[in-house]
PDB file of N, CA and C in Angstrom:
ATOM      1  N   MET A   1     100.090 112.747  87.060  1.00  0.00           N
ATOM      2  CA  MET A   1      99.984 111.076  86.944  1.00  0.00           C
ATOM      3  C   MET A   1     100.578 110.568  88.221  1.00  0.00           C
ATOM      4  N   HIS A   2     101.960 111.712  88.300  1.00  0.00           N
ATOM      5  CA  HIS A   2     102.223 111.950  89.664  1.00  0.00           C
ATOM      6  C   HIS A   2     101.343 112.060  90.307  1.00  0.00           C
ATOM      7  N   THR A   3     100.734 112.991  90.862  1.00  0.00           N
ATOM      8  CA  THR A   3      99.684 113.731  92.078  1.00  0.00           C
ATOM      9  C   THR A   3      98.724 113.318  92.199  1.00  0.00           C
ATOM     10  N   PHE A   4      97.880 112.194  90.957  1.00  0.00           N
ATOM     11  CA  PHE A   4      97.573 110.670  91.140  1.00  0.00           C
ATOM     12  C   PHE A   4      97.538 110.191  91.908  1.00  0.00           C
ATOM     13  N   LEU A   5      98.819 109.358  91.679  1.00  0.00           N
ATOM     14  CA  LEU A   5      99.155 108.053  92.610  1.00  0.00           C
ATOM     15  C   LEU A   5      99.391 109.241  93.432  1.00  0.00           C
ATOM     16  N   LYS A   6      99.990 109.819  94.516  1.00  0.00           N
ATOM     17  CA  LYS A   6     100.032 110.289  95.915  1.00  0.00           C
ATOM     18  C   LYS A   6      98.968 110.714  96.027  1.00  0.00           C
ATOM     19  N   TYR A   7      97.432 110.590  95.358  1.00  0.00           N
ATOM     20  CA  TYR A   7      96.372 111.720  96.066  1.00  0.00           C
ATOM     21  C   TYR A   7      95.888 109.819  96.423  1.00  0.00           C
ATOM     22  N   PHE A   8      96.438 109.012  95.692  1.00  0.00           N
ATOM     23  CA  PHE A   8      94.856 107.271  95.341  1.00  0.00           C
ATOM     24  C   PHE A   8      95.602 107.524  96.808  1.00  0.00           C
ATOM     25  N   GLN A   9      97.412 106.464  96.777  1.00  0.00           N
ATOM     26  CA  GLN A   9      97.951 106.289  97.663  1.00  0.00           C
ATOM     27  C   GLN A   9      96.979 106.805  99.203  1.00  0.00           C
ATOM     28  N   LEU A  10      97.108 108.085  99.050  1.00  0.00           N
ATOM     29  CA  LEU A  10      96.960 108.688 100.879  1.00  0.00           C
ATOM     30  C   LEU A  10      95.490 107.523 101.399  1.00  0.00           C
ATOM     31  N   ILE A  11      94.333 107.924  99.685  1.00  0.00           N
ATOM     32  CA  ILE A  11      93.024 107.358 100.136  1.00  0.00           C
ATOM     33  C   ILE A  11      92.641 105.969 100.407  1.00  0.00           C
ATOM     34  N   ILE A  12      94.344 105.392  99.798  1.00  0.00           N
ATOM     35  CA  ILE A  12      93.416 104.142  99.534  1.00  0.00           C
ATOM     36  C   ILE A  12      94.479 103.560 101.363  1.00  0.00           C
ATOM     37  N   SER A  13      95.451 103.952 101.797  1.00  0.00           N
ATOM     38  CA  SER A  13      96.055 104.316 102.823  1.00  0.00           C
ATOM     39  C   SER A  13      94.864 104.129 104.014  1.00  0.00           C
ATOM     40  N   LEU A  14      94.098 105.408 104.493  1.00  0.00           N
ATOM     41  CA  LEU A  14      93.552 105.443 105.310  1.00  0.00           C
ATOM     42  C   LEU A  14      92.533 104.895 105.210  1.00  0.00           C
ATOM     43  N   LEU A  15      91.721 104.093 104.120  1.00  0.00           N
ATOM     44  CA  LEU A  15      90.625 103.032 104.049  1.00  0.00           C
ATOM     45  C   LEU A  15      91.268 102.094 104.513  1.00  0.00           C
ATOM     46  N   LEU A  16      92.455 101.621 104.455  1.00  0.00           N
ATOM     47  CA  LEU A  16      93.027 100.193 104.724  1.00  0.00           C
ATOM     48  C   LEU A  16      93.176 100.342 105.916  1.00  0.00           C
ATOM     49  N   ILE A  17      93.816 101.160 107.219  1.00  0.00           N
ATOM     50  CA  ILE A  17      93.676 101.109 108.459  1.00  0.00           C
ATOM     51  C   ILE A  17      92.031 100.984 108.492  1.00  0.00           C
ATOM     52  N   PHE A  18      91.145 102.330 108.563  1.00  0.00           N
ATOM     53  CA  PHE A  18      90.139 101.991 108.672  1.00  0.00           C
ATOM     54  C   PHE A  18      89.434 100.598 108.679  1.00  0.00           C
ATOM     55  N   SER A  19      89.747  99.373 107.746  1.00  0.00           N
ATOM     56  CA  SER A  19      89.076  98.704 107.620  1.00  0.00           C
ATOM     57  C   SER A  19      89.735  97.498 108.532  1.00  0.00           C
ATOM     58  N   ILE A  20      91.284  97.329 108.399  1.00  0.00           N
ATOM     59  CA  ILE A  20      92.197  96.986 109.909  1.00  0.00           C
ATOM     60  C   ILE A  20      91.175  97.482 111.369  1.00  0.00           C
ATOM     61  N   LEU A  21      91.574  98.102 111.314  1.00  0.00           N
ATOM     62  CA  LEU A  21      90.813  98.333 112.610  1.00  0.00           C
ATOM     63  C   LEU A  21      88.510  98.193 113.275  1.00  0.00           C
ATOM     64  N   LEU A  22      88.319  98.070 112.001  1.00  0.00           N
ATOM     65  CA  LEU A  22      87.516  97.501 112.116  1.00  0.00           C
ATOM     66  C   LEU A  22      86.726  95.787 112.331  1.00  0.00           C
ATOM     67  N   GLN A  23      87.930  95.815 111.224  1.00  0.00           N
ATOM     68  CA  GLN A  23      88.235  94.021 112.598  1.00  0.00           C
ATOM     69  C   GLN A  23      87.550  94.085 113.637  1.00  0.00           C
ATOM     70  N   ASN A  24      87.217  92.628 113.659  1.00  0.00           N
ATOM     71  CA  ASN A  24      86.887  91.323 114.952  1.00  0.00           C
ATOM     72  C   ASN A  24      88.512  91.806 116.040  1.00  0.00           C
ATOM     73  N   LYS A  25      88.535  92.277 116.937  1.00  0.00           N
ATOM     74  CA  LYS A  25      88.945  91.956 118.143  1.00  0.00           C
ATOM     75  C   LYS A  25      89.760  91.413 117.798  1.00  0.00           C
ATOM     76  N   THR A  26      88.847  89.693 118.666  1.00  0.00           N
ATOM     77  CA  THR A  26      89.119  88.272 119.074  1.00  0.00           C
ATOM     78  C   THR A  26      89.935  87.423 118.021  1.00  0.00           C
ATOM     79  N   SER A  27      89.905  88.010 116.718  1.00  0.00           N
ATOM     80  CA  SER A  27      90.862  87.274 115.283  1.00  0.00           C
ATOM     81  C   SER A  27      92.162  87.396 115.573  1.00  0.00           C
ATOM     82  N   GLY A  28      93.018  87.081 115.193  1.00  0.00           N
ATOM     83  CA  GLY A  28      94.931  86.571 115.075  1.00  0.00           C
ATOM     84  C   GLY A  28      95.286  86.231 116.846  1.00  0.00           C
ATOM     85  N   PHE A  29      96.317  86.128 117.173  1.00  0.00           N
ATOM     86  CA  PHE A  29      97.287  85.689 117.942  1.00  0.00           C
ATOM     87  C   PHE A  29      96.603  85.935 119.307  1.00  0.00           C
ATOM     88  N   SER A  30      95.638  86.776 120.367  1.00  0.00           N
ATOM     89  CA  SER A  30      94.806  87.534 120.808  1.00  0.00           C
ATOM     90  C   SER A  30      93.819  86.584 120.844  1.00  0.00           C
ATOM     91  N   GLY A  31      93.308  85.856 120.033  1.00  0.00           N
ATOM     92  CA  GLY A  31      92.458  85.025 120.938  1.00  0.00           C
ATOM     93  C   GLY A  31      92.608  83.577 120.558  1.00  0.00           C
ATOM     94  N   GLY A  32      93.676  82.782 119.932  1.00  0.00           N
ATOM     95  CA  GLY A  32      94.354  82.229 119.933  1.00  0.00           C
ATOM     96  C   GLY A  32      95.521  82.000 121.975  1.00  0.00           C
ATOM     97  N   ALA A  33      95.304  82.734 122.490  1.00  0.00           N
ATOM     98  CA  ALA A  33      96.264  83.152 123.403  1.00  0.00           C
ATOM     99  C   ALA A  33      94.836  82.745 124.964  1.00  0.00           C
ATOM    100  N   SER A  34      94.216  82.347 124.404  1.00  0.00           N
ATOM    101  CA  SER A  34      93.107  82.508 126.000  1.00  0.00           C
ATOM    102  C   SER A  34      93.851  81.080 126.360  1.00  0.00           C
ATOM    103  N   THR A  35      93.105  80.983 127.260  1.00  0.00           N
ATOM    104  CA  THR A  35      93.522  79.636 128.600  1.00  0.00           C
ATOM    105  C   THR A  35      92.244  78.995 128.830  1.00  0.00           C
ATOM    106  N   SER A  36      91.165  79.460 127.473  1.00  0.00           N
ATOM    107  CA  SER A  36      89.936  78.832 127.722  1.00  0.00           C
ATOM    108  C   SER A  36      90.096  76.825 126.536  1.00  0.00           C
ATOM    109  N   THR A  37      89.399  75.906 127.518  1.00  0.00           N
ATOM    110  CA  THR A  37      89.797  74.870 126.420  1.00  0.00           C
ATOM    111  C   THR A  37      88.715  74.513 125.306  1.00  0.00           C
ATOM    112  N   THR A  38      88.079  75.418 125.716  1.00  0.00           N
ATOM    113  CA  THR A  38      86.383  74.702 124.247  1.00  0.00           C
ATOM    114  C   THR A  38      87.521  76.292 123.089  1.00  0.00           C
ATOM    115  N   THR A  39      87.598  75.346 121.669  1.00  0.00           N
ATOM    116  CA  THR A  39      87.655  76.523 120.559  1.00  0.00           C
ATOM    117  C   THR A  39      86.158  75.700 119.491  1.00  0.00           C
ATOM    118  N   PHE A  40      85.636  77.556 118.754  1.00  0.00           N
ATOM    119  CA  PHE A  40      84.244  77.243 118.337  1.00  0.00           C
ATOM    120  C   PHE A  40      85.038  78.053 117.079  1.00  0.00           C
ATOM    121  N   GLN A  41      84.650  76.706 115.904  1.00  0.00           N
ATOM    122  CA  GLN A  41      85.556  77.716 114.355  1.00  0.00           C
ATOM    123  C   GLN A  41      83.683  78.173 113.907  1.00  0.00           C
ATOM    124  N   THR A  42      84.010  79.671 114.136  1.00  0.00           N
ATOM    125  CA  THR A  42      83.399  79.853 113.218  1.00  0.00           C
ATOM    126  C   THR A  42      83.792  80.368 111.388  1.00  0.00           C
ATOM    127  N   THR A  43      82.579  80.765 111.553  1.00  0.00           N
ATOM    128  CA  THR A  43      82.963  80.980 110.180  1.00  0.00           C
ATOM    129  C   THR A  43      82.021  83.116 109.089  1.00  0.00           C
ATOM    130  N   LYS A  44      83.261  82.907 108.787  1.00  0.00           N
ATOM    131  CA  LYS A  44      82.976  85.047 109.038  1.00  0.00           C
ATOM    132  C   LYS A  44      81.121  85.250 107.951  1.00  0.00           C
ATOM    133  N   ARG A  45      80.717  86.010 108.095  1.00  0.00           N
ATOM    134  CA  ARG A  45      79.502  86.658 107.653  1.00  0.00           C
ATOM    135  C   ARG A  45      78.585  87.985 107.998  1.00  0.00           C
ATOM    136  N   GLY A  46      77.986  88.191 106.642  1.00  0.00           N
ATOM    137  CA  GLY A  46      77.295  89.816 106.854  1.00  0.00           C
ATOM    138  C   GLY A  46      78.617  90.375 106.365  1.00  0.00           C
ATOM    139  N   ALA A  47      78.366  91.990 107.958  1.00  0.00           N
ATOM    140  CA  ALA A  47      79.264  92.597 107.561  1.00  0.00           C
ATOM    141  C   ALA A  47      80.821  92.554 107.556  1.00  0.00           C
ATOM    142  N   GLU A  48      80.954  91.284 108.692  1.00  0.00           N
ATOM    143  CA  GLU A  48      82.417  91.235 108.408  1.00  0.00           C
ATOM    144  C   GLU A  48      83.104  91.087 107.360  1.00  0.00           C
ATOM    145  N   LYS A  49      82.557  89.501 106.993  1.00  0.00           N
ATOM    146  CA  LYS A  49      82.743  88.929 105.946  1.00  0.00           C
ATOM    147  C   LYS A  49      83.031  90.355 104.417  1.00  0.00           C
ATOM    148  N   VAL A  50      82.311  91.406 104.810  1.00  0.00           N
ATOM    149  CA  VAL A  50      82.804  92.316 103.727  1.00  0.00           C
ATOM    150  C   VAL A  50      84.301  93.358 104.194  1.00  0.00           C
ATOM    151  N   ILE A  51      84.389  93.628 105.711  1.00  0.00           N
ATOM    152  CA  ILE A  51      85.290  94.409 105.897  1.00  0.00           C
ATOM    153  C   ILE A  51      86.066  93.196 105.536  1.00  0.00           C
ATOM    154  N   PHE A  52      86.264  92.090 105.929  1.00  0.00           N
ATOM    155  CA  PHE A  52      87.537  91.465 105.344  1.00  0.00           C
ATOM    156  C   PHE A  52      87.764  91.378 104.081  1.00  0.00           C
ATOM    157  N   ASN A  53      87.318  91.132 103.212  1.00  0.00           N
ATOM    158  CA  ASN A  53      87.084  91.314 101.681  1.00  0.00           C
ATOM    159  C   ASN A  53      87.584  92.621 101.705  1.00  0.00           C
ATOM    160  N   ALA A  54      87.440  93.787 102.253  1.00  0.00           N
ATOM    161  CA  ALA A  54      87.349  95.086 101.547  1.00  0.00           C
ATOM    162  C   ALA A  54      88.898  95.212 101.458  1.00  0.00           C
ATOM    163  N   THR A  55      88.968  94.822 103.203  1.00  0.00           N
ATOM    164  CA  THR A  55      90.722  94.678 104.119  1.00  0.00           C
ATOM    165  C   THR A  55      91.460  94.658 102.906  1.00  0.00           C
ATOM    166  N   ILE A  56      90.894  92.665 102.213  1.00  0.00           N
ATOM    167  CA  ILE A  56      92.502  92.577 101.064  1.00  0.00           C
ATOM    168  C   ILE A  56      92.504  93.289  99.483  1.00  0.00           C
ATOM    169  N   VAL A  57      91.063  93.666  99.555  1.00  0.00           N
ATOM    170  CA  VAL A  57      91.142  94.494  98.291  1.00  0.00           C
ATOM    171  C   VAL A  57      91.714  96.003  98.473  1.00  0.00           C
ATOM    172  N   PHE A  58      92.005  96.228  99.717  1.00  0.00           N
ATOM    173  CA  PHE A  58      92.428  97.786  99.989  1.00  0.00           C
ATOM    174  C   PHE A  58      94.300  97.500  99.912  1.00  0.00           C
ATOM    175  N   ALA A  59      94.806  96.415 100.548  1.00  0.00           N
ATOM    176  CA  ALA A  59      95.601  95.842 100.282  1.00  0.00           C
ATOM    177  C   ALA A  59      97.103  95.300  99.541  1.00  0.00           C
ATOM    178  N   VAL A  60      95.926  95.223  98.498  1.00  0.00           N
ATOM    179  CA  VAL A  60      96.460  94.743  97.432  1.00  0.00           C
ATOM    180  C   VAL A  60      96.383  95.836  95.887  1.00  0.00           C
ATOM    181  N   LEU A  61      95.790  97.111  96.340  1.00  0.00           N
ATOM    182  CA  LEU A  61      95.294  98.665  95.838  1.00  0.00           C
ATOM    183  C   LEU A  61      96.392  98.674  96.308  1.00  0.00           C
ATOM    184  N   PHE A  62      96.884  98.950  97.641  1.00  0.00           N
ATOM    185  CA  PHE A  62      98.440  99.570  97.860  1.00  0.00           C
ATOM    186  C   PHE A  62      99.147  98.983  97.758  1.00  0.00           C
ATOM    187  N   VAL A  63      99.671  97.884  97.351  1.00  0.00           N
ATOM    188  CA  VAL A  63     100.714  97.080  97.143  1.00  0.00           C
ATOM    189  C   VAL A  63     101.159  97.884  95.956  1.00  0.00           C
ATOM    190  N   LEU A  64     100.259  97.709  94.585  1.00  0.00           N
ATOM    191  CA  LEU A  64      99.907  97.958  92.971  1.00  0.00           C
ATOM    192  C   LEU A  64     100.210  99.437  92.989  1.00  0.00           C
ATOM    193  N   SER A  65     100.367 100.011  93.853  1.00  0.00           N
ATOM    194  CA  SER A  65     100.209 101.653  93.986  1.00  0.00           C
ATOM    195  C   SER A  65     101.216 102.101  94.185  1.00  0.00           C
ATOM    196  N   SER A  66     101.449 101.428  94.877  1.00  0.00           N
ATOM    197  CA  SER A  66     103.065 101.725  95.395  1.00  0.00           C
ATOM    198  C   SER A  66     104.250 101.490  94.371  1.00  0.00           C
ATOM    199  N   VAL A  67     104.297  99.941  93.519  1.00  0.00           N
ATOM    200  CA  VAL A  67     104.980  99.928  92.271  1.00  0.00           C
ATOM    201  C   VAL A  67     104.246 101.447  91.880  1.00  0.00           C
ATOM    202  N   ALA A  68     103.563 101.062  91.244  1.00  0.00           N
ATOM    203  CA  ALA A  68     102.986 101.917  90.785  1.00  0.00           C
ATOM    204  C   ALA A  68     103.949 103.382  90.041  1.00  0.00           C
ATOM    205  N   PHE A  69     103.937 103.819  91.875  1.00  0.00           N
ATOM    206  CA  PHE A  69     104.603 105.266  92.471  1.00  0.00           C
ATOM    207  C   PHE A  69     106.012 104.539  91.779  1.00  0.00           C
ATOM    208  N   LEU A  70     106.189 103.596  92.038  1.00  0.00           N
ATOM    209  CA  LEU A  70     108.124 103.704  91.136  1.00  0.00           C
ATOM    210  C   LEU A  70     108.378 104.032  89.734  1.00  0.00           C
ATOM    211  N   PHE A  71     107.270 103.562  89.653  1.00  0.00           N
ATOM    212  CA  PHE A  71     108.146 103.628  87.585  1.00  0.00           C
ATOM    213  C   PHE A  71     107.062 104.983  87.837  1.00  0.00           C
ATOM    214  N   VAL A  72     106.954 105.508  87.870  1.00  0.00           N
ATOM    215  CA  VAL A  72     106.204 106.650  87.736  1.00  0.00           C
ATOM    216  C   VAL A  72     107.270 107.913  88.125  1.00  0.00           C
ATOM    217  N   SER A  73     108.024 107.929  89.469  1.00  0.00           N
ATOM    218  CA  SER A  73     108.684 108.094  90.176  1.00  0.00           C
ATOM    219  C   SER A  73     110.428 108.669  88.828  1.00  0.00           C
TER     220      SER A  73
END
């Protein structure tokens, strides 16, 4: 079980990193720092929404696998 959790956490961490890197670069702190006075509120659609939801799922799985790893060790 220890080996399975170790490899599971490795795969989830790589997927989490990859999904974060795929997200839109204008979101977050850099999007709010622009000097433009016009702002547009947009909703996530299509692939952007799928990547956003996948990132949340991977983050939750990573935390759960970390907690499980503590109990197994």
